[in-house]
Amino acid sequence: MTLRDRRGNGPTARSASSLRLTRRSFLGAAGALSATAFLSACGGSGGGSGGSTAQASEIDIYSWANYFAQNNLAGFTSATGITPKISTYDSNDTLSAKLNSPAGTGFDLVIPTSGWISEYASRGLIQKIDQGRVDLSALDPALLNREYDPHNQYSIPKDWGVYGVIYDPRAVGGDITSWQDFLDAGERPGVQGKIRLATSGWENVAIALWANGEDWNTTDQSVIRAGGERMKDWVTKTKPQFTSANVDQIVNGSIVLAVHDQSGARRAIEQNPALRWAVPAPTSELWVDCYVIPKGAPHVDAVYKFLDYELTENAQITDTRFIGYPTALAGLRDKLPAGTDNVDLIFGGPGVDLSKLSTFVVNPDTVPIYQDIQTELHALS
């Protein structure tokens, strides 16, 4: 992400992939499809943008596993007579390869992570959303009109997460409030070797960039390389692990400082209340998984009926309770049942301001640099 494996709680468990965005993504150094190969492959045709106007009996959805509450799927079928047929993937790179292949032409709806959307749009793999057929007024404005899709021309937010730090304050010497605190904590005696970083180059280099007030979406390659040099020096001193997120290691203390998402942090803190969670200043990542319609989707009318249903308040609340990540409904927190455990952490922690977070946007000019740095980081750890 990356930290896509960060969503490894309950039914939403997912395997790690080096190109998953971060959430997202989160989308690294290896993976089923390298970013370079993906960006080369995406020049193919995606087919026409139309769709059958005949009443569909089912729609084909390509999604993360167990990403819709069964009550919602059954309710949609009962209301419309249309059955959602769901195929699943475990990484954004798998989705990307499928979208650009003949096997991907039959899907009606897919759920990529936000950073890939501009690339899909530029390659003609997805079609514009008909704004007259969807009502986005109930969604959180902070999740709309983001940098990866201005004016939501191609995507509708489904759910989201943030990139932060889970840590043991006794081991790291106190609270972590900034990315500089994170870097300093990693160099404390007894912390080295008990650190977990992401499997994604851009998420790891971002730590140094953010600590220095830089933007991880910069196109200035010298800035990225300078961030990489700082992280290489830090990794040489601290010997972190680059592994899939493992809450058990955090709970039992074999990892005392780890980048993670809020869902994993929530599970860890429920088991070990001495642990703490932070979204460090000055900024961090917001990943958003989004509904998009592939170019050539055969049942577009049915897709808009499904979106209509999923964007209702009841469906949004039901999905949140099922998947463990907040959907895009405005005011969602106040609409969850009373007594929901650690509700602050569902939404990234108290005081998190989504407007101050950013999403990594896949850029063919910079992704290979991040990948190369990740390979170097691995070699040093």
Protein backbone atom coordinates (compact mmCIF):
# COMPACT_ATOMS: atom_id res chain seq x y z
CA MET A 1 0.00 0.00 0.00
CA THR A 2 1.53 -1.45 0.73
CA LEU A 3 -0.87 -1.70 3.56
CA ARG A 4 -3.67 -3.31 1.68
CA ASP A 5 -2.98 -6.25 3.99
CA ARG A 6 -3.80 -3.70 6.67
CA ARG A 7 -7.40 -4.60 6.08
CA GLY A 8 -6.73 -8.08 7.35
CA ASN A 9 -9.45 -8.20 9.97
CA GLY A 10 -12.32 -10.64 9.88
CA PRO A 11 -13.93 -11.12 6.48
CA THR A 12 -11.83 -8.48 4.78
CA ALA A 13 -8.46 -10.23 5.11
CA ARG A 14 -6.24 -9.59 2.06
CA SER A 15 -2.81 -10.72 1.03
CA ALA A 16 0.04 -8.24 0.69
CA SER A 17 1.14 -7.02 -2.74
CA SER A 18 3.99 -4.71 -3.52
CA LEU A 19 1.95 -2.51 -5.81
CA ARG A 20 -1.17 -2.22 -3.76
CA LEU A 21 -1.97 1.35 -2.96
CA THR A 22 -1.80 2.32 0.14
CA ARG A 23 -5.56 1.19 1.54
CA ARG A 24 -6.01 1.54 -0.91
CA SER A 25 -3.74 1.13 -1.82
CA PHE A 26 -2.28 1.27 0.15
CA LEU A 27 -1.01 -0.01 -2.70
CA GLY A 28 6.93 -1.98 -4.02
CA ALA A 29 9.84 -3.95 -5.01
CA ALA A 30 8.07 -7.06 -6.31
CA GLY A 31 4.56 -8.17 -7.14
CA ALA A 32 2.40 -10.08 -9.54
CA LEU A 33 2.59 -7.16 -11.95
CA SER A 34 5.24 -4.44 -11.71
CA ALA A 35 4.14 -0.84 -12.03
CA THR A 36 6.26 -0.47 -15.15
CA ALA A 37 4.66 -3.51 -16.75
CA PHE A 38 1.23 -2.28 -15.76
CA LEU A 39 1.76 1.17 -17.17
CA SER A 40 3.02 -0.34 -20.42
CA ALA A 41 0.18 -2.80 -20.65
CA CYS A 42 -2.52 -0.25 -20.05
CA GLY A 43 -2.35 1.14 -23.56
CA GLY A 44 -4.85 -1.45 -24.80
CA SER A 45 -8.42 -0.89 -25.76
CA GLY A 46 -11.12 -1.25 -23.17
CA GLY A 47 -14.00 -1.52 -25.61
CA GLY A 48 -17.00 0.75 -26.00
CA SER A 49 -18.49 2.79 -23.21
CA GLY A 50 -22.09 1.89 -23.79
CA GLY A 51 -24.16 -0.85 -22.21
CA SER A 52 -27.29 -2.83 -22.77
CA THR A 53 -30.51 -1.03 -21.95
CA ALA A 54 -32.32 -4.36 -21.49
CA GLN A 55 -33.27 -5.33 -17.95
CA ALA A 56 -30.37 -7.29 -16.49
CA SER A 57 -30.94 -10.28 -14.24
CA GLU A 58 -27.47 -9.88 -12.69
CA ILE A 59 -24.49 -7.56 -12.60
CA ASP A 60 -20.86 -8.63 -12.53
CA ILE A 61 -18.85 -6.92 -9.79
CA TYR A 62 -15.08 -7.30 -9.42
CA SER A 63 -14.18 -6.48 -5.81
CA TRP A 64 -12.08 -7.11 -2.75
CA ALA A 65 -13.32 -10.24 -0.99
CA ASN A 66 -16.29 -9.92 1.39
CA TYR A 67 -16.60 -6.22 0.71
CA PHE A 68 -20.39 -5.95 0.82
CA ALA A 69 -22.75 -6.86 3.65
CA GLN A 70 -24.82 -9.86 2.67
CA ASN A 71 -27.93 -8.07 3.93
CA ASN A 72 -27.30 -5.33 1.38
CA LEU A 73 -26.78 -7.75 -1.50
CA ALA A 74 -29.93 -9.67 -0.63
CA GLY A 75 -31.89 -6.45 -0.14
CA PHE A 76 -30.83 -5.14 -3.54
CA THR A 77 -31.92 -8.37 -5.23
CA SER A 78 -35.23 -8.30 -3.41
CA ALA A 79 -35.85 -4.69 -4.42
CA THR A 80 -34.80 -4.97 -8.07
CA GLY A 81 -34.73 -8.62 -9.11
CA ILE A 82 -31.04 -8.17 -10.04
CA THR A 83 -28.46 -10.50 -8.50
CA PRO A 84 -24.94 -9.14 -7.83
CA LYS A 85 -22.41 -11.70 -9.07
CA ILE A 86 -19.13 -10.98 -7.31
CA SER A 87 -15.65 -12.06 -8.38
CA THR A 88 -12.72 -11.14 -6.13
CA TYR A 89 -9.09 -10.05 -6.27
CA ASP A 90 -6.48 -9.47 -3.58
CA SER A 91 -4.50 -6.54 -5.00
CA ASN A 92 -4.78 -3.50 -7.20
CA ASP A 93 -2.20 -4.94 -9.57
CA THR A 94 -4.39 -8.02 -10.14
CA LEU A 95 -7.32 -5.73 -10.86
CA SER A 96 -5.21 -3.65 -13.24
CA ALA A 97 -4.08 -6.68 -15.22
CA LYS A 98 -7.64 -7.96 -15.50
CA LEU A 99 -9.07 -4.62 -16.64
CA ASN A 100 -6.59 -4.49 -19.49
CA SER A 101 -7.26 -8.05 -20.65
CA PRO A 102 -10.14 -9.65 -22.60
CA ALA A 103 -11.18 -11.31 -19.34
CA GLY A 104 -11.96 -7.90 -17.88
CA THR A 105 -14.41 -6.71 -20.50
CA GLY A 106 -17.46 -8.34 -18.91
CA PHE A 107 -17.39 -6.56 -15.57
CA ASP A 108 -20.04 -3.98 -14.76
CA LEU A 109 -18.49 -2.46 -11.63
CA VAL A 110 -15.05 -2.59 -10.02
CA ILE A 111 -13.64 -1.24 -6.73
CA PRO A 112 -10.08 0.09 -7.16
CA THR A 113 -8.15 2.15 -4.65
CA SER A 114 -8.13 5.86 -5.30
CA GLY A 115 -4.58 6.36 -6.54
CA TRP A 116 -5.13 4.23 -9.62
CA ILE A 117 -8.19 6.05 -10.91
CA SER A 118 -6.48 8.83 -12.85
CA GLU A 119 -4.29 6.24 -14.58
CA TYR A 120 -7.31 4.12 -15.50
CA ALA A 121 -9.10 7.18 -16.85
CA SER A 122 -6.11 8.32 -18.91
CA ARG A 123 -5.81 4.85 -20.43
CA GLY A 124 -9.50 4.67 -21.32
CA LEU A 125 -10.19 1.72 -19.04
CA ILE A 126 -13.12 3.30 -17.19
CA GLN A 127 -15.99 5.52 -18.22
CA LYS A 128 -17.26 8.77 -16.80
CA ILE A 129 -19.94 8.68 -14.13
CA ASP A 130 -23.28 10.03 -15.31
CA GLN A 131 -23.72 12.61 -12.59
CA GLY A 132 -27.42 12.90 -13.38
CA ARG A 133 -27.99 9.29 -12.37
CA VAL A 134 -26.39 9.30 -8.92
CA ASP A 135 -27.03 11.33 -5.80
CA LEU A 136 -23.82 12.13 -3.95
CA SER A 137 -25.39 14.70 -1.64
CA ALA A 138 -25.38 12.36 1.37
CA LEU A 139 -21.63 11.67 1.09
CA ASP A 140 -18.89 13.32 3.12
CA PRO A 141 -17.59 16.35 1.16
CA ALA A 142 -14.06 15.59 2.42
CA LEU A 143 -14.12 12.40 0.32
CA LEU A 144 -15.34 14.10 -2.85
CA ASN A 145 -13.42 16.10 -5.45
CA ARG A 146 -10.09 14.65 -4.31
CA GLU A 147 -6.80 15.04 -6.18
CA TYR A 148 -7.06 11.65 -7.88
CA ASP A 149 -10.45 12.46 -9.48
CA PRO A 150 -11.49 16.12 -9.52
CA HIS A 151 -15.27 16.53 -9.50
CA ASN A 152 -15.67 12.74 -9.26
CA GLN A 153 -15.87 12.38 -12.99
CA TYR A 154 -14.88 8.71 -12.87
CA SER A 155 -15.39 7.46 -9.34
CA ILE A 156 -17.65 7.40 -6.29
CA PRO A 157 -16.09 6.82 -2.85
CA LYS A 158 -17.10 3.55 -1.17
CA ASP A 159 -15.03 3.44 2.03
CA TRP A 160 -11.73 4.75 3.34
CA GLY A 161 -8.82 4.41 5.71
CA VAL A 162 -5.72 6.25 6.88
CA TYR A 163 -2.01 5.50 7.20
CA GLY A 164 -0.70 5.87 10.70
CA VAL A 165 1.41 4.33 13.44
CA ILE A 166 0.63 1.78 16.14
CA TYR A 167 3.23 1.75 18.92
CA ASP A 168 4.08 0.87 22.49
CA PRO A 169 4.85 4.17 24.27
CA ARG A 170 6.83 2.35 26.97
CA ALA A 171 9.26 1.02 24.37
CA VAL A 172 9.57 4.12 22.18
CA GLY A 173 9.85 6.68 24.97
CA GLY A 174 6.49 8.42 24.88
CA ASP A 175 3.97 9.76 22.41
CA ILE A 176 4.42 9.97 18.65
CA THR A 177 2.75 13.02 17.15
CA SER A 178 4.85 13.63 14.03
CA TRP A 179 6.76 11.63 11.42
CA GLN A 180 9.96 13.04 12.88
CA ASP A 181 8.92 11.51 16.22
CA PHE A 182 8.50 8.19 14.39
CA LEU A 183 11.99 8.40 12.91
CA ASP A 184 13.50 9.38 16.27
CA ALA A 185 11.67 6.59 18.09
CA GLY A 186 13.04 4.00 15.69
CA GLU A 187 16.59 4.86 16.69
CA ARG A 188 16.02 4.39 20.42
CA PRO A 189 17.86 1.48 22.10
CA GLY A 190 15.69 -1.61 22.17
CA VAL A 191 13.46 -0.49 19.31
CA GLN A 192 15.79 -1.47 16.47
CA GLY A 193 14.66 -4.69 14.83
CA LYS A 194 11.18 -4.36 16.32
CA ILE A 195 9.85 -2.03 13.63
CA ARG A 196 7.52 -2.76 10.75
CA LEU A 197 7.47 -0.70 7.56
CA ALA A 198 5.25 -1.07 4.51
CA THR A 199 5.90 -3.26 1.48
CA SER A 200 5.50 -0.20 -0.76
CA GLY A 201 8.30 2.17 -1.70
CA TRP A 202 6.13 5.25 -1.89
CA GLU A 203 4.66 4.68 1.55
CA ASN A 204 8.09 4.21 3.10
CA VAL A 205 9.81 7.12 1.35
CA ALA A 206 6.79 9.26 2.22
CA ILE A 207 7.78 9.10 5.89
CA ALA A 208 10.98 11.04 5.16
CA LEU A 209 9.23 13.34 2.69
CA TRP A 210 6.44 14.20 5.11
CA ALA A 211 8.88 14.71 7.99
CA ASN A 212 10.61 17.26 5.77
CA GLY A 213 7.38 18.95 4.69
CA GLU A 214 7.47 17.48 1.16
CA ASP A 215 4.67 16.08 -1.00
CA TRP A 216 4.85 12.39 -1.96
CA ASN A 217 3.11 13.24 -5.24
CA THR A 218 5.95 15.54 -6.24
CA THR A 219 7.23 15.19 -9.79
CA ASP A 220 10.67 16.41 -8.70
CA GLN A 221 12.70 13.23 -8.83
CA SER A 222 15.54 14.76 -6.84
CA VAL A 223 13.19 15.30 -3.90
CA ILE A 224 12.08 11.67 -4.00
CA ARG A 225 15.67 10.44 -4.22
CA ALA A 226 16.68 12.64 -1.28
CA GLY A 227 13.84 11.14 0.77
CA GLY A 228 15.05 7.71 -0.28
CA GLU A 229 18.58 8.47 0.92
CA ARG A 230 17.28 9.57 4.30
CA MET A 231 15.23 6.38 4.64
CA LYS A 232 18.19 4.21 3.58
CA ASP A 233 20.30 5.75 6.32
CA TRP A 234 17.50 5.23 8.84
CA VAL A 235 16.88 1.62 7.78
CA THR A 236 20.60 0.86 8.11
CA LYS A 237 20.42 1.98 11.74
CA THR A 238 17.03 0.53 12.70
CA LYS A 239 16.74 -2.78 10.77
CA PRO A 240 12.94 -2.78 10.28
CA GLN A 241 10.89 -5.61 8.88
CA PHE A 242 9.10 -5.25 5.53
CA THR A 243 6.31 -7.75 6.06
CA SER A 244 2.57 -8.14 5.90
CA ALA A 245 0.78 -6.49 8.76
CA ASN A 246 0.55 -8.86 11.73
CA VAL A 247 -1.49 -7.61 14.64
CA ASP A 248 -0.38 -10.52 16.83
CA GLN A 249 3.25 -9.32 16.68
CA ILE A 250 2.19 -5.86 17.80
CA VAL A 251 0.04 -7.21 20.60
CA ASN A 252 2.74 -9.52 21.97
CA GLY A 253 5.52 -6.91 21.74
CA SER A 254 7.76 -8.49 19.12
CA ILE A 255 6.93 -5.35 17.08
CA VAL A 256 6.77 -2.10 19.08
CA LEU A 257 6.57 0.45 16.24
CA ALA A 258 4.63 -0.18 13.04
CA VAL A 259 2.96 1.65 10.20
CA HIS A 260 -0.60 0.44 9.95
CA ASP A 261 -4.17 1.42 9.23
CA GLN A 262 -6.79 2.28 11.81
CA SER A 263 -8.63 -1.02 11.61
CA GLY A 264 -5.56 -3.05 12.56
CA ALA A 265 -4.74 -0.52 15.29
CA ARG A 266 -8.24 -0.87 16.69
CA ARG A 267 -7.92 -4.65 16.89
CA ALA A 268 -4.47 -4.41 18.49
CA ILE A 269 -5.55 -1.89 21.13
CA GLU A 270 -8.61 -3.96 22.00
CA GLN A 271 -6.22 -6.82 22.87
CA ASN A 272 -3.49 -4.66 24.44
CA PRO A 273 -4.81 -1.34 25.80
CA ALA A 274 -1.27 -0.12 26.55
CA LEU A 275 -0.71 0.40 22.82
CA ARG A 276 -1.35 3.74 21.13
CA TRP A 277 -2.28 4.94 17.66
CA ALA A 278 -1.35 8.15 15.84
CA VAL A 279 -1.76 9.72 12.43
CA PRO A 280 1.46 11.74 12.54
CA ALA A 281 1.79 15.39 11.50
CA PRO A 282 2.10 17.23 9.27
CA THR A 283 0.22 14.91 6.89
CA SER A 284 -0.33 11.28 6.02
CA GLU A 285 -2.23 9.10 3.58
CA LEU A 286 -5.94 8.89 2.99
CA TRP A 287 -6.84 5.89 0.82
CA VAL A 288 -10.31 5.59 -0.62
CA ASP A 289 -11.73 2.53 -2.32
CA CYS A 290 -14.07 3.67 -5.06
CA TYR A 291 -16.83 2.47 -7.34
CA VAL A 292 -15.88 2.80 -11.01
CA ILE A 293 -17.59 1.55 -14.16
CA PRO A 294 -15.31 -0.17 -16.69
CA LYS A 295 -15.44 1.00 -20.26
CA GLY A 296 -17.78 -1.32 -22.11
CA ALA A 297 -19.67 -2.45 -19.01
CA PRO A 298 -22.60 -4.49 -20.40
CA HIS A 299 -25.24 -3.63 -17.79
CA VAL A 300 -24.86 0.07 -17.05
CA ASP A 301 -28.51 0.63 -16.13
CA ALA A 302 -28.31 -2.10 -13.52
CA VAL A 303 -25.07 -0.60 -12.18
CA TYR A 304 -26.77 2.72 -11.49
CA LYS A 305 -29.58 0.90 -9.69
CA PHE A 306 -26.97 -0.84 -7.54
CA LEU A 307 -25.19 2.43 -6.80
CA ASP A 308 -28.52 4.03 -5.90
CA TYR A 309 -29.11 1.27 -3.38
CA GLU A 310 -25.58 1.23 -1.92
CA LEU A 311 -25.51 5.00 -1.44
CA THR A 312 -28.56 5.00 0.83
CA GLU A 313 -27.96 5.74 4.48
CA ASN A 314 -29.07 2.32 5.68
CA ALA A 315 -26.84 0.46 3.23
CA GLN A 316 -23.84 2.64 4.12
CA ILE A 317 -24.25 1.96 7.83
CA THR A 318 -24.75 -1.76 7.23
CA ASP A 319 -21.59 -2.01 5.13
CA THR A 320 -19.55 -0.12 7.73
CA ARG A 321 -20.55 -2.55 10.44
CA PHE A 322 -19.71 -5.50 8.19
CA ILE A 323 -16.35 -4.50 6.69
CA GLY A 324 -14.96 -2.54 9.64
CA TYR A 325 -14.02 0.54 7.61
CA PRO A 326 -16.09 3.72 7.40
CA THR A 327 -18.14 4.19 4.27
CA ALA A 328 -18.47 7.61 2.67
CA LEU A 329 -21.72 8.66 4.36
CA ALA A 330 -21.56 12.13 5.89
CA GLY A 331 -22.10 12.08 9.65
CA LEU A 332 -21.62 8.31 9.71
CA ARG A 333 -20.11 8.23 13.19
CA ASP A 334 -23.22 9.68 14.83
CA LYS A 335 -25.37 7.18 12.97
CA LEU A 336 -23.61 4.04 14.20
CA PRO A 337 -25.27 2.11 17.02
CA ALA A 338 -24.59 3.36 20.53
CA GLY A 339 -21.89 1.41 22.31
CA THR A 340 -19.78 0.60 19.24
CA ASP A 341 -16.34 -0.29 20.61
CA ASN A 342 -13.47 2.15 20.02
CA VAL A 343 -15.55 4.14 17.60
CA ASP A 344 -12.89 6.88 17.38
CA LEU A 345 -10.46 4.45 15.80
CA ILE A 346 -12.92 3.37 13.12
CA PHE A 347 -12.61 6.93 11.82
CA GLY A 348 -8.84 7.24 12.14
CA GLY A 349 -8.68 8.46 15.71
CA PRO A 350 -9.91 11.61 17.46
CA GLY A 351 -9.16 14.86 15.70
CA VAL A 352 -8.16 13.39 12.32
CA ASP A 353 -8.80 15.96 9.60
CA LEU A 354 -9.24 14.27 6.22
CA SER A 355 -8.68 17.55 4.42
CA LYS A 356 -5.06 17.54 5.63
CA LEU A 357 -4.36 14.04 4.27
CA SER A 358 -3.39 13.14 0.71
CA THR A 359 -3.71 10.18 -1.64
CA PHE A 360 -0.81 8.80 -3.64
CA VAL A 361 -1.61 9.11 -7.33
CA VAL A 362 0.07 6.55 -9.59
CA ASN A 363 2.50 8.38 -11.87
CA PRO A 364 4.54 6.45 -14.47
CA ASP A 365 7.41 8.93 -14.09
CA THR A 366 7.87 8.44 -10.35
CA VAL A 367 6.62 4.94 -9.51
CA PRO A 368 9.79 3.22 -10.81
CA ILE A 369 11.93 5.47 -8.59
CA TYR A 370 9.94 4.51 -5.53
CA GLN A 371 10.23 0.84 -6.53
CA ASP A 372 13.99 1.06 -6.91
CA ILE A 373 14.33 2.70 -3.50
CA GLN A 374 12.21 -0.02 -1.92
CA THR A 375 14.51 -2.67 -3.34
CA GLU A 376 17.47 -0.84 -1.79
CA LEU A 377 15.71 -0.55 1.55
CA HIS A 378 15.06 -4.28 1.62
CA ALA A 379 18.72 -4.98 0.96
CA LEU A 380 19.75 -2.82 3.94
CA SER A 381 17.38 -4.20 6.55
